[in-house]
């Protein structure tokens, strides 16, 4: 399957500008584009995309160090403690600003190379953020027990190997091969030897397009090692991926991940809304069909319903005359049945189909109120809605009271 341009391309610094390399198989690359610093003052933004990005060596600190363990799980913590002494340990925050590589494992200790993104250095990127990052020396392997010098963005870069493993790299101060450069290289190599990082150095490769022959000879004389001019090889992918991620890239990835999650949530909510609306519309359609069917059935049986309603209306009109509970004799009996043994005298009882009216006299107001309550609570007289104004005292020192009952038809008193 053919890879996309981003998956098979590398953005890295060249001698005097930025280069974009594309894969041609087996991790090898060939040059596709090159922009000078004059053509691209803002960096490789002109390159639309690249999967791999090589940090210029000037923007990365290389710190070789020995740790007294071979437990790889402890390498990063121990390296962080060493780097903190020299003020190189990166601050916390987003991104991964330090990467640890194992240069050599011995019986009880290990040689590590810590690559730390320099503070305050902005790394120009292609328009589309690359996926993988590493210092540029990792893309240009140096031969065994050798060092190499090449130029990046107008500055000389020194890269040193221990065996076949990268153990150090640094941007040099001088842009040209001269006596000052030779002195600076000699100091770096002596320091690496003093740290036990560099054991032997067989050759120094000069991978420069415009290196004068006498410059190589002078450098060889000053350093006392073989200097071999040559052409800088094409880049290759590192054997092991590098974990470096700039802070701005990590923040951008976090924002993109958050936006992606938000889009997924919104899409899920939209899907749920559409499904819910579909269910609601389906249910509404079924309910509407049932309602239409019921309406049609009701319309077909409307004559029967009208006949039933008319019959019920006539029965309700006749209920006071045909139901025993409304018979005058039954009502009279129930009124007398609630009387106390003494203390109440009926003065008037009128029983008609519309109402029952009782006027009476009690020996006292409490006796009158008691009888009114007995009538209201009576189950036998429950077919009537009773109203009873408060008893009133009369001239004889007794209490007059009244009761009015309306027949209850269809759950409400008949007016």
Protein backbone atom coordinates (compact mmCIF):
# COMPACT_ATOMS: atom_id res chain seq x y z
CA UNK A 1 0.00 0.00 0.00
CA UNK A 2 1.40 3.37 -0.91
CA UNK A 3 2.17 5.68 1.99
CA UNK A 4 1.02 9.27 2.12
CA UNK A 5 3.46 12.14 1.85
CA UNK A 6 3.44 12.76 5.58
CA UNK A 7 4.05 9.11 6.50
CA UNK A 8 7.10 8.85 4.22
CA UNK A 9 8.82 12.23 4.56
CA UNK A 10 11.39 13.98 6.77
CA UNK A 11 11.89 17.66 7.49
CA UNK A 12 15.44 18.45 8.63
CA UNK A 13 17.94 21.34 8.64
CA UNK A 14 20.39 21.51 5.74
CA UNK A 15 23.65 23.40 5.34
CA UNK A 16 22.03 26.74 4.67
CA UNK A 17 18.30 26.12 4.88
CA UNK A 18 15.61 23.49 5.34
CA UNK A 19 15.23 20.23 3.44
CA UNK A 20 12.35 17.87 2.84
CA UNK A 21 13.28 14.25 2.15
CA UNK A 22 10.93 11.52 0.95
CA UNK A 23 11.30 7.79 1.54
CA UNK A 24 12.44 5.53 -1.25
CA UNK A 25 12.23 2.26 0.70
CA UNK A 26 13.92 0.47 3.63
CA UNK A 27 14.17 3.63 5.70
CA UNK A 28 16.23 5.48 3.05
CA UNK A 29 15.38 8.97 1.86
CA UNK A 30 16.03 11.14 -1.17
CA UNK A 31 15.93 14.92 -1.32
CA UNK A 32 12.61 16.32 -2.60
CA UNK A 33 12.71 20.03 -1.66
CA UNK A 34 15.20 22.51 -0.27
CA UNK A 35 14.61 26.07 0.90
CA UNK A 36 17.35 28.54 1.83
CA UNK A 37 17.03 30.73 4.92
CA UNK A 38 16.42 33.68 2.60
CA UNK A 39 13.57 31.84 0.88
CA UNK A 40 12.09 30.56 4.15
CA UNK A 41 12.94 33.02 6.97
CA UNK A 42 10.17 31.48 9.13
CA UNK A 43 11.51 27.95 8.77
CA UNK A 44 9.96 24.94 7.03
CA UNK A 45 6.38 26.24 7.07
CA UNK A 46 6.55 26.15 3.28
CA UNK A 47 6.64 22.34 3.57
CA UNK A 48 3.02 21.32 3.85
CA UNK A 49 3.67 18.12 5.78
CA UNK A 50 6.33 15.72 7.07
CA UNK A 51 5.89 12.72 9.33
CA UNK A 52 9.41 13.00 10.83
CA UNK A 53 11.06 16.17 12.08
CA UNK A 54 14.76 16.61 12.87
CA UNK A 55 15.54 19.19 15.54
CA UNK A 56 18.58 21.33 14.67
CA UNK A 57 21.42 20.28 16.98
CA UNK A 58 21.79 23.88 18.14
CA UNK A 59 18.36 23.65 19.82
CA UNK A 60 19.08 20.42 21.73
CA UNK A 61 21.43 19.82 24.67
CA UNK A 62 23.29 16.49 24.60
CA UNK A 63 24.37 15.27 28.04
CA UNK A 64 26.23 11.94 28.29
CA UNK A 65 26.26 10.49 31.83
CA UNK A 66 27.00 7.33 33.76
CA UNK A 67 24.44 5.83 36.17
CA UNK A 68 25.25 3.13 38.72
CA UNK A 69 22.53 0.72 37.65
CA UNK A 70 21.47 -1.35 34.69
CA UNK A 71 17.75 -1.21 35.60
CA UNK A 72 16.24 0.62 32.65
CA UNK A 73 13.15 1.65 34.63
CA UNK A 74 15.43 3.85 36.76
CA UNK A 75 17.35 5.51 33.93
CA UNK A 76 15.09 8.52 33.46
CA UNK A 77 14.86 9.36 37.19
CA UNK A 78 18.61 9.03 37.71
CA UNK A 79 19.34 11.05 34.59
CA UNK A 80 16.98 13.75 35.85
CA UNK A 81 18.91 13.97 39.15
CA UNK A 82 22.24 14.32 37.28
CA UNK A 83 20.86 16.98 34.95
CA UNK A 84 19.33 18.94 37.82
CA UNK A 85 22.83 19.58 39.20
CA UNK A 86 23.73 21.39 35.97
CA UNK A 87 20.41 23.17 35.52
CA UNK A 88 19.52 21.11 32.46
CA UNK A 89 16.56 19.18 33.82
CA UNK A 90 13.46 20.39 31.94
CA UNK A 91 10.61 21.94 33.87
CA UNK A 92 7.32 20.11 34.18
CA UNK A 93 4.47 20.87 31.84
CA UNK A 94 3.08 19.58 28.63
CA UNK A 95 5.23 17.79 26.09
CA UNK A 96 8.27 15.57 26.55
CA UNK A 97 11.36 17.73 26.63
CA UNK A 98 13.92 15.02 27.54
CA UNK A 99 14.73 11.68 25.93
CA UNK A 100 17.12 9.06 27.31
CA UNK A 101 19.08 6.65 25.08
CA UNK A 102 21.29 3.80 26.25
CA UNK A 103 24.79 4.07 24.78
CA UNK A 104 26.40 1.11 26.56
CA UNK A 105 25.56 -1.33 29.37
CA UNK A 106 28.30 -2.68 31.62
CA UNK A 107 28.03 -5.14 34.52
CA UNK A 108 26.88 -2.65 37.13
CA UNK A 109 26.53 0.68 35.36
CA UNK A 110 25.23 2.20 32.14
CA UNK A 111 26.25 5.04 29.87
CA UNK A 112 23.28 7.16 28.83
CA UNK A 113 22.79 10.07 26.46
CA UNK A 114 20.16 12.58 27.51
CA UNK A 115 18.77 14.81 24.77
CA UNK A 116 17.08 17.91 26.21
CA UNK A 117 15.21 20.52 24.20
CA UNK A 118 16.81 23.87 24.95
CA UNK A 119 14.70 26.34 26.94
CA UNK A 120 13.34 29.33 25.08
CA UNK A 121 14.06 27.86 21.64
CA UNK A 122 11.16 27.92 19.20
CA UNK A 123 11.26 25.10 16.70
CA UNK A 124 9.76 26.04 13.31
CA UNK A 125 7.50 23.30 11.98
CA UNK A 126 5.79 22.41 8.70
CA UNK A 127 2.19 23.50 8.22
CA UNK A 128 0.90 20.12 9.33
CA UNK A 129 2.49 19.08 12.62
CA UNK A 130 4.87 16.09 12.28
CA UNK A 131 4.15 12.94 14.26
CA UNK A 132 7.68 11.95 15.32
CA UNK A 133 10.59 14.08 16.50
CA UNK A 134 14.31 13.45 17.08
CA UNK A 135 17.59 15.44 17.08
CA UNK A 136 19.11 15.67 13.61
CA UNK A 137 22.24 13.56 14.47
CA UNK A 138 19.98 10.53 14.92
CA UNK A 139 19.08 10.65 11.22
CA UNK A 140 22.73 10.69 10.06
CA UNK A 141 24.59 7.69 11.55
CA UNK A 142 28.34 8.15 11.97
CA UNK A 143 30.73 5.20 11.38
CA UNK A 144 32.00 3.18 14.36
CA UNK A 145 34.36 4.97 16.80
CA UNK A 146 34.28 8.08 14.66
CA UNK A 147 33.17 11.67 14.82
CA UNK A 148 31.68 13.82 12.10
CA UNK A 149 31.29 17.50 11.35
CA UNK A 150 28.60 18.94 9.11
CA UNK A 151 26.86 22.24 8.77
CA UNK A 152 23.27 22.98 9.83
CA UNK A 153 21.60 26.31 9.07
CA UNK A 154 25.05 27.88 8.62
CA UNK A 155 26.59 26.45 11.83
CA UNK A 156 29.06 23.59 12.24
CA UNK A 157 27.84 20.53 14.16
CA UNK A 158 30.11 18.00 15.89
CA UNK A 159 28.74 14.46 16.36
CA UNK A 160 30.66 11.76 18.27
CA UNK A 161 30.11 7.99 18.44
CA UNK A 162 31.17 5.46 21.07
CA UNK A 163 31.37 2.28 19.08
CA UNK A 164 28.34 2.51 16.79
CA UNK A 165 26.20 4.45 19.26
CA UNK A 166 25.73 8.21 19.33
CA UNK A 167 27.25 9.52 22.57
CA UNK A 168 27.48 13.30 22.03
CA UNK A 169 26.65 16.17 19.67
CA UNK A 170 27.04 19.93 19.83
CA UNK A 171 26.79 23.04 17.67
CA UNK A 172 30.22 24.64 17.40
CA UNK A 173 30.89 28.34 17.88
CA UNK A 174 32.76 29.01 14.64
CA UNK A 175 30.98 28.61 11.28
CA UNK A 176 34.21 27.66 9.48
CA UNK A 177 37.03 25.13 9.94
CA UNK A 178 39.91 27.11 11.50
CA UNK A 179 42.29 27.04 14.46
CA UNK A 180 39.56 28.18 16.86
CA UNK A 181 37.34 25.33 15.69
CA UNK A 182 40.18 22.87 16.18
CA UNK A 183 40.73 24.12 19.74
CA UNK A 184 37.03 23.87 20.53
CA UNK A 185 36.86 20.29 19.19
CA UNK A 186 39.98 19.32 21.17
CA UNK A 187 38.40 20.64 24.39
CA UNK A 188 35.17 18.72 23.75
CA UNK A 189 37.03 15.45 23.06
CA UNK A 190 39.21 15.86 26.17
CA UNK A 191 36.14 16.45 28.29
CA UNK A 192 34.44 13.33 26.88
CA UNK A 193 37.61 11.31 27.56
CA UNK A 194 37.74 12.64 31.11
CA UNK A 195 34.15 11.55 31.70
CA UNK A 196 34.93 8.09 30.41
CA UNK A 197 32.50 8.60 27.53
CA UNK A 198 35.01 8.48 24.69
CA UNK A 199 37.40 5.50 24.56
CA UNK A 200 38.96 5.83 21.14
CA UNK A 201 38.42 7.96 18.09
CA UNK A 202 39.68 6.50 14.85
CA UNK A 203 38.58 9.14 12.38
CA UNK A 204 36.90 12.54 12.01
CA UNK A 205 34.64 12.86 8.96
CA UNK A 206 34.17 16.27 7.36
CA UNK A 207 30.79 16.19 5.62
CA UNK A 208 30.93 19.67 4.14
CA UNK A 209 30.10 20.76 0.59
CA UNK A 210 32.74 23.52 0.50
CA UNK A 211 35.57 22.23 2.69
CA UNK A 212 39.01 23.44 1.45
CA UNK A 213 41.64 20.62 1.24
CA UNK A 214 44.12 22.53 3.37
CA UNK A 215 41.47 22.97 6.13
CA UNK A 216 41.16 19.20 6.53
CA UNK A 217 44.96 18.82 6.67
CA UNK A 218 45.30 21.60 9.25
CA UNK A 219 42.55 20.06 11.41
CA UNK A 220 44.22 16.65 11.25
CA UNK A 221 47.53 18.16 12.34
CA UNK A 222 45.94 20.04 15.24
CA UNK A 223 43.87 17.09 16.55
CA UNK A 224 46.31 14.31 15.83
CA UNK A 225 43.63 12.02 14.33
CA UNK A 226 42.76 11.13 10.77
CA UNK A 227 40.38 13.66 9.11
CA UNK A 228 38.43 12.31 6.14
CA UNK A 229 36.57 14.82 3.93
CA UNK A 230 33.49 13.43 2.21
CA UNK A 231 29.90 13.95 1.25
CA UNK A 232 27.21 13.91 3.91
CA UNK A 233 25.10 10.74 3.45
CA UNK A 234 21.35 10.76 2.96
CA UNK A 235 19.33 10.48 6.17
CA UNK A 236 17.95 7.20 7.51
CA UNK A 237 15.34 6.54 10.15
CA UNK A 238 16.68 5.89 13.68
CA UNK A 239 16.63 2.29 14.90
CA UNK A 240 14.66 3.35 18.00
CA UNK A 241 11.95 6.05 18.05
CA UNK A 242 12.70 9.20 20.01
CA UNK A 243 10.16 10.43 22.54
CA UNK A 244 10.83 14.17 22.31
CA UNK A 245 7.71 16.31 21.89
CA UNK A 246 7.87 20.15 22.04
CA UNK A 247 5.50 21.89 24.43
CA UNK A 248 3.59 23.75 21.71
CA UNK A 249 3.10 20.49 19.78
CA UNK A 250 1.81 18.73 22.92
CA UNK A 251 -0.58 21.62 23.59
CA UNK A 252 -1.79 21.51 20.00
CA UNK A 253 -2.31 17.73 20.22
CA UNK A 254 -4.21 18.19 23.47
CA UNK A 255 -6.45 20.82 21.88
CA UNK A 256 -6.98 18.62 18.83
CA UNK A 257 -7.76 15.61 21.03
CA UNK A 258 -10.19 17.71 23.05
CA UNK A 259 -11.82 19.02 19.87
CA UNK A 260 -12.02 15.45 18.54
CA UNK A 261 -13.66 14.23 21.76
CA UNK A 262 -16.08 17.15 21.57
CA UNK A 263 -16.92 16.30 17.95
CA UNK A 264 -17.48 12.66 18.93
CA UNK A 265 -19.73 13.71 21.82
CA UNK A 266 -21.68 16.11 19.60
CA UNK A 267 -21.98 13.44 16.90
CA UNK A 268 -23.18 10.94 19.50
CA UNK A 269 -25.70 13.44 20.87
CA UNK A 270 -26.86 14.24 17.34
CA UNK A 271 -27.21 10.51 16.65
CA UNK A 272 -29.16 10.01 19.87
CA UNK A 273 -31.34 12.99 18.98
CA UNK A 274 -32.01 11.59 15.51
CA UNK A 275 -32.75 8.14 16.95
CA UNK A 276 -34.97 9.68 19.63
CA UNK A 277 -36.81 11.76 17.05
CA UNK A 278 -37.25 8.66 14.89
CA UNK A 279 -38.65 6.71 17.83
CA UNK A 280 -40.89 9.62 18.81
CA UNK A 281 -42.17 10.04 15.25
CA UNK A 282 -42.75 6.29 14.98
CA UNK A 283 -44.63 6.20 18.28
CA UNK A 284 -46.59 9.29 17.33
CA UNK A 285 -47.53 7.73 14.00
CA UNK A 286 -48.68 4.51 15.73
CA UNK A 287 -50.64 6.47 18.33
CA UNK A 288 -52.20 8.59 15.60
CA UNK A 289 -53.22 5.49 13.67
CA UNK A 290 -54.79 4.02 16.81
CA UNK A 291 -56.53 7.33 17.52
CA UNK A 292 -57.90 7.47 13.97
CA UNK A 293 -59.09 3.87 14.29
CA UNK A 294 -60.80 4.65 17.61
CA UNK A 295 -62.40 7.77 16.16
CA UNK A 296 -63.72 5.71 13.27
CA UNK A 297 -65.05 3.08 15.69
CA UNK A 298 -66.67 5.73 17.88
CA UNK A 299 -68.25 7.35 14.83
CA UNK A 300 -69.59 3.96 13.73
CA UNK A 301 -71.14 3.34 17.18
CA UNK A 302 -72.24 6.90 17.86
CA UNK A 303 -75.96 6.01 17.53
CA UNK A 304 -75.54 3.31 20.18
CA UNK A 305 -73.72 5.73 22.48
CA UNK A 306 -76.44 8.34 22.01
CA UNK A 307 -79.10 5.76 22.89
CA UNK A 308 -77.21 4.74 26.05
CA UNK A 309 -76.75 8.37 27.08
CA UNK A 310 -80.40 9.15 26.51
CA UNK A 311 -81.49 6.10 28.54
CA UNK A 312 -79.15 7.09 31.37
CA UNK A 313 -80.46 10.64 31.31
CA UNK A 314 -84.05 9.42 31.62
CA UNK A 315 -83.11 7.03 34.40
CA UNK A 316 -81.35 9.81 36.31
CA UNK A 317 -84.43 11.96 35.98
CA UNK A 318 -86.58 9.15 37.42
CA UNK A 319 -84.06 8.02 40.07
CA UNK A 320 -85.62 9.99 42.97
CA UNK A 321 -88.96 8.36 42.21
CA UNK A 322 -87.90 4.77 41.60
CA UNK A 323 -84.93 4.15 43.94
CA UNK A 324 -85.94 3.15 47.53
CA UNK A 325 -83.38 5.46 49.10
CA UNK A 326 -85.34 8.41 47.74
CA UNK A 327 -88.82 7.17 48.78
CA UNK A 328 -90.49 9.70 51.18
CA UNK A 329 -91.40 6.98 53.71
CA UNK A 330 -87.80 5.61 53.67
CA UNK A 331 -86.40 9.10 54.08
CA UNK A 332 -88.84 9.88 56.91
CA UNK A 333 -87.89 6.62 58.67
CA UNK A 334 -84.17 7.38 58.44
CA UNK A 335 -84.70 10.91 59.82
CA UNK A 336 -86.63 9.58 62.83
CA UNK A 337 -84.11 6.73 63.29
CA UNK A 338 -81.35 9.30 64.08
CA UNK A 339 -83.38 11.11 66.75
CA UNK A 340 -82.16 10.90 70.35
CA UNK A 341 -84.55 9.38 72.96
CA UNK A 342 -85.64 12.89 73.94
CA UNK A 343 -84.80 16.53 73.37
CA UNK A 344 -85.85 17.14 69.72
CA UNK A 345 -89.24 17.96 68.24
CA UNK A 346 -89.93 18.14 64.47
CA UNK A 347 -91.91 21.20 63.51
CA UNK A 348 -91.95 20.66 59.74
CA UNK A 349 -90.84 17.97 57.24
CA UNK A 350 -91.29 18.51 53.49
CA UNK A 351 -90.17 15.76 51.11
CA UNK A 352 -90.33 16.46 47.37
CA UNK A 353 -88.40 15.06 44.38
CA UNK A 354 -86.23 18.19 44.47
CA UNK A 355 -85.30 18.27 48.16
CA UNK A 356 -85.91 17.23 51.76
CA UNK A 357 -86.55 20.06 54.20
CA UNK A 358 -86.58 19.61 57.97
CA UNK A 359 -87.39 22.27 60.58
CA UNK A 360 -87.07 21.23 64.24
CA UNK A 361 -86.55 22.40 67.80
CA UNK A 362 -83.99 21.03 70.27
CA UNK A 363 -83.63 21.53 74.00
CA UNK A 364 -80.16 23.03 73.38
CA UNK A 365 -77.78 23.98 70.66
CA UNK A 366 -75.42 21.02 71.32
CA UNK A 367 -78.28 18.56 70.92
CA UNK A 368 -79.27 20.26 67.64
CA UNK A 369 -75.69 20.16 66.32
CA UNK A 370 -75.36 16.51 67.28
CA UNK A 371 -78.48 15.59 65.32
CA UNK A 372 -77.34 17.59 62.27
CA UNK A 373 -74.01 15.71 62.28
CA UNK A 374 -75.79 12.35 62.67
CA UNK A 375 -77.87 13.07 59.56
CA UNK A 376 -74.85 14.24 57.52
CA UNK A 377 -72.83 11.13 58.41
CA UNK A 378 -75.64 8.64 57.95
CA UNK A 379 -75.00 6.06 55.24
CA UNK A 380 -78.74 5.53 54.82
CA UNK A 381 -79.16 9.23 54.03
CA UNK A 382 -76.01 9.36 51.93
CA UNK A 383 -78.00 9.78 48.71
CA UNK A 384 -78.59 13.38 49.76
CA UNK A 385 -76.22 16.31 49.97
CA UNK A 386 -77.08 17.88 53.32
CA UNK A 387 -76.70 21.51 54.32
CA UNK A 388 -77.36 22.66 57.87
CA UNK A 389 -77.07 26.26 59.06
CA UNK A 390 -76.04 26.71 62.71
CA UNK A 391 -78.86 26.36 65.29
CA UNK A 392 -80.34 29.59 66.65
CA UNK A 393 -81.75 30.08 70.19
CA UNK A 394 -85.46 30.97 70.50
CA UNK A 395 -87.52 32.78 73.18
CA UNK A 396 -88.25 29.61 75.09
CA UNK A 397 -84.51 29.07 75.67
CA UNK A 398 -84.34 26.27 73.18
CA UNK A 399 -82.65 26.02 69.78
CA UNK A 400 -84.28 26.04 66.34
CA UNK A 401 -82.40 24.30 63.52
CA UNK A 402 -82.92 23.27 59.90
CA UNK A 403 -81.66 20.61 57.49
CA UNK A 404 -81.91 20.65 53.70
CA UNK A 405 -81.00 17.60 51.57
CA UNK A 406 -80.60 17.61 47.79
CA UNK A 407 -80.73 14.27 45.95
CA UNK A 408 -77.35 13.28 44.48
CA UNK A 409 -77.69 12.33 40.83
CA UNK A 410 -74.58 11.36 38.77
CA UNK A 411 -72.25 12.28 41.65
CA UNK A 412 -73.58 15.81 42.22
CA UNK A 413 -76.61 17.20 44.09
CA UNK A 414 -79.62 17.93 41.98
CA UNK A 415 -80.27 21.65 41.66
